[in-house]
Amino acid sequence: MTSTEILTKIERYCAYQDRCSQEVVTKLRSWQIEEQEQRQVLQILKNDGFLDDERYVQSFIRGKINTKQWGVQKIRLGLIQKGISKELID
């Protein structure tokens, strides 16, 4: 896969629904993308607004409260499992 194809596919992946950085890295690893290129792709996605962990946290919380009726502790654990930093969780 070329860099342009990778970027196009991962942009579509992120545009479909909010994703956290860990989800994007996992997807890139499944495509066997080298670590250096993963970092470059992440930076491009963040600069272009496709990837924003703070927006992801807000969307995650909203979805779990409204749809699943989760409490604070369960939401906190879910975010930790997604690799979200403690600062964003708080």
Protein backbone atom coordinates (compact mmCIF):
# COMPACT_ATOMS: atom_id res chain seq x y z
CA MET A 1 0.00 0.00 0.00
CA THR A 2 1.29 3.46 -0.82
CA SER A 3 1.33 6.29 1.70
CA THR A 4 -1.52 8.03 -0.11
CA GLU A 5 -3.68 4.89 -0.05
CA ILE A 6 -2.97 4.36 3.64
CA LEU A 7 -3.87 7.95 4.46
CA THR A 8 -7.07 7.82 2.41
CA LYS A 9 -8.23 4.57 4.02
CA ILE A 10 -7.44 5.68 7.56
CA GLU A 11 -9.12 9.07 7.00
CA ARG A 12 -12.30 7.23 5.95
CA TYR A 13 -11.95 5.02 9.03
CA CYS A 14 -11.75 8.10 11.27
CA ALA A 15 -14.51 9.99 9.43
CA TYR A 16 -16.99 7.15 9.94
CA GLN A 17 -16.97 7.68 13.72
CA ASP A 18 -14.72 9.28 16.31
CA ARG A 19 -11.65 7.16 16.99
CA CYS A 20 -8.98 7.38 19.65
CA SER A 21 -5.26 7.24 18.84
CA GLN A 22 -4.97 3.67 20.12
CA GLU A 23 -7.69 2.45 17.73
CA VAL A 24 -5.92 4.07 14.79
CA VAL A 25 -2.55 2.61 15.78
CA THR A 26 -4.13 -0.84 16.13
CA LYS A 27 -5.64 -0.52 12.65
CA LEU A 28 -2.32 0.62 11.16
CA ARG A 29 -0.52 -2.29 12.83
CA SER A 30 -3.07 -4.71 11.38
CA TRP A 31 -2.05 -3.35 7.95
CA GLN A 32 1.60 -3.98 8.94
CA ILE A 33 2.58 -0.31 8.64
CA GLU A 34 6.02 0.59 10.02
CA GLU A 35 6.14 2.50 13.30
CA GLN A 36 7.73 5.60 11.79
CA GLU A 37 4.99 5.85 9.17
CA GLN A 38 2.36 5.26 11.88
CA ARG A 39 3.63 8.33 13.74
CA GLN A 40 3.54 10.40 10.55
CA VAL A 41 -0.02 9.29 9.75
CA LEU A 42 -1.16 10.06 13.32
CA GLN A 43 0.34 13.56 13.09
CA ILE A 44 -1.36 14.22 9.74
CA LEU A 45 -4.71 12.98 11.09
CA LYS A 46 -4.42 15.23 14.15
CA ASN A 47 -3.43 18.25 12.05
CA ASP A 48 -6.32 17.70 9.63
CA GLY A 49 -8.89 17.21 12.41
CA PHE A 50 -9.62 13.54 11.74
CA LEU A 51 -8.20 12.46 15.10
CA ASP A 52 -8.85 14.26 18.37
CA ASP A 53 -8.71 12.29 21.61
CA GLU A 54 -10.52 15.03 23.55
CA ARG A 55 -13.43 14.94 21.08
CA TYR A 56 -13.38 11.14 21.27
CA VAL A 57 -13.66 11.22 25.09
CA GLN A 58 -16.66 13.57 24.92
CA SER A 59 -18.36 11.39 22.31
CA PHE A 60 -17.60 8.20 24.27
CA ILE A 61 -19.05 9.63 27.49
CA ARG A 62 -22.15 10.97 25.76
CA GLY A 63 -22.78 7.67 24.03
CA LYS A 64 -22.31 5.50 27.10
CA ILE A 65 -24.50 7.68 29.32
CA ASN A 66 -27.34 8.09 26.81
CA THR A 67 -27.35 4.65 25.22
CA LYS A 68 -25.90 2.20 27.72
CA GLN A 69 -26.75 3.99 30.99
CA TRP A 70 -23.17 3.49 32.22
CA GLY A 71 -21.99 5.06 35.46
CA VAL A 72 -18.88 7.11 36.10
CA GLN A 73 -16.63 4.20 37.12
CA LYS A 74 -17.55 2.05 34.14
CA ILE A 75 -16.98 4.97 31.75
CA ARG A 76 -13.62 5.68 33.40
CA LEU A 77 -12.55 2.03 33.00
CA GLY A 78 -13.71 1.99 29.39
CA LEU A 79 -11.58 5.04 28.60
CA ILE A 80 -8.57 3.54 30.37
CA GLN A 81 -8.96 0.42 28.22
CA LYS A 82 -8.93 2.64 25.14
CA GLY A 83 -5.56 4.07 26.19
CA ILE A 84 -6.83 7.57 27.00
CA SER A 85 -4.57 9.65 29.24
CA LYS A 86 -5.57 10.27 32.84
CA GLU A 87 -5.64 14.04 32.23
CA LEU A 88 -8.30 13.68 29.53
CA ILE A 89 -10.33 11.24 31.63
CA ASP A 90 -10.40 13.63 34.58
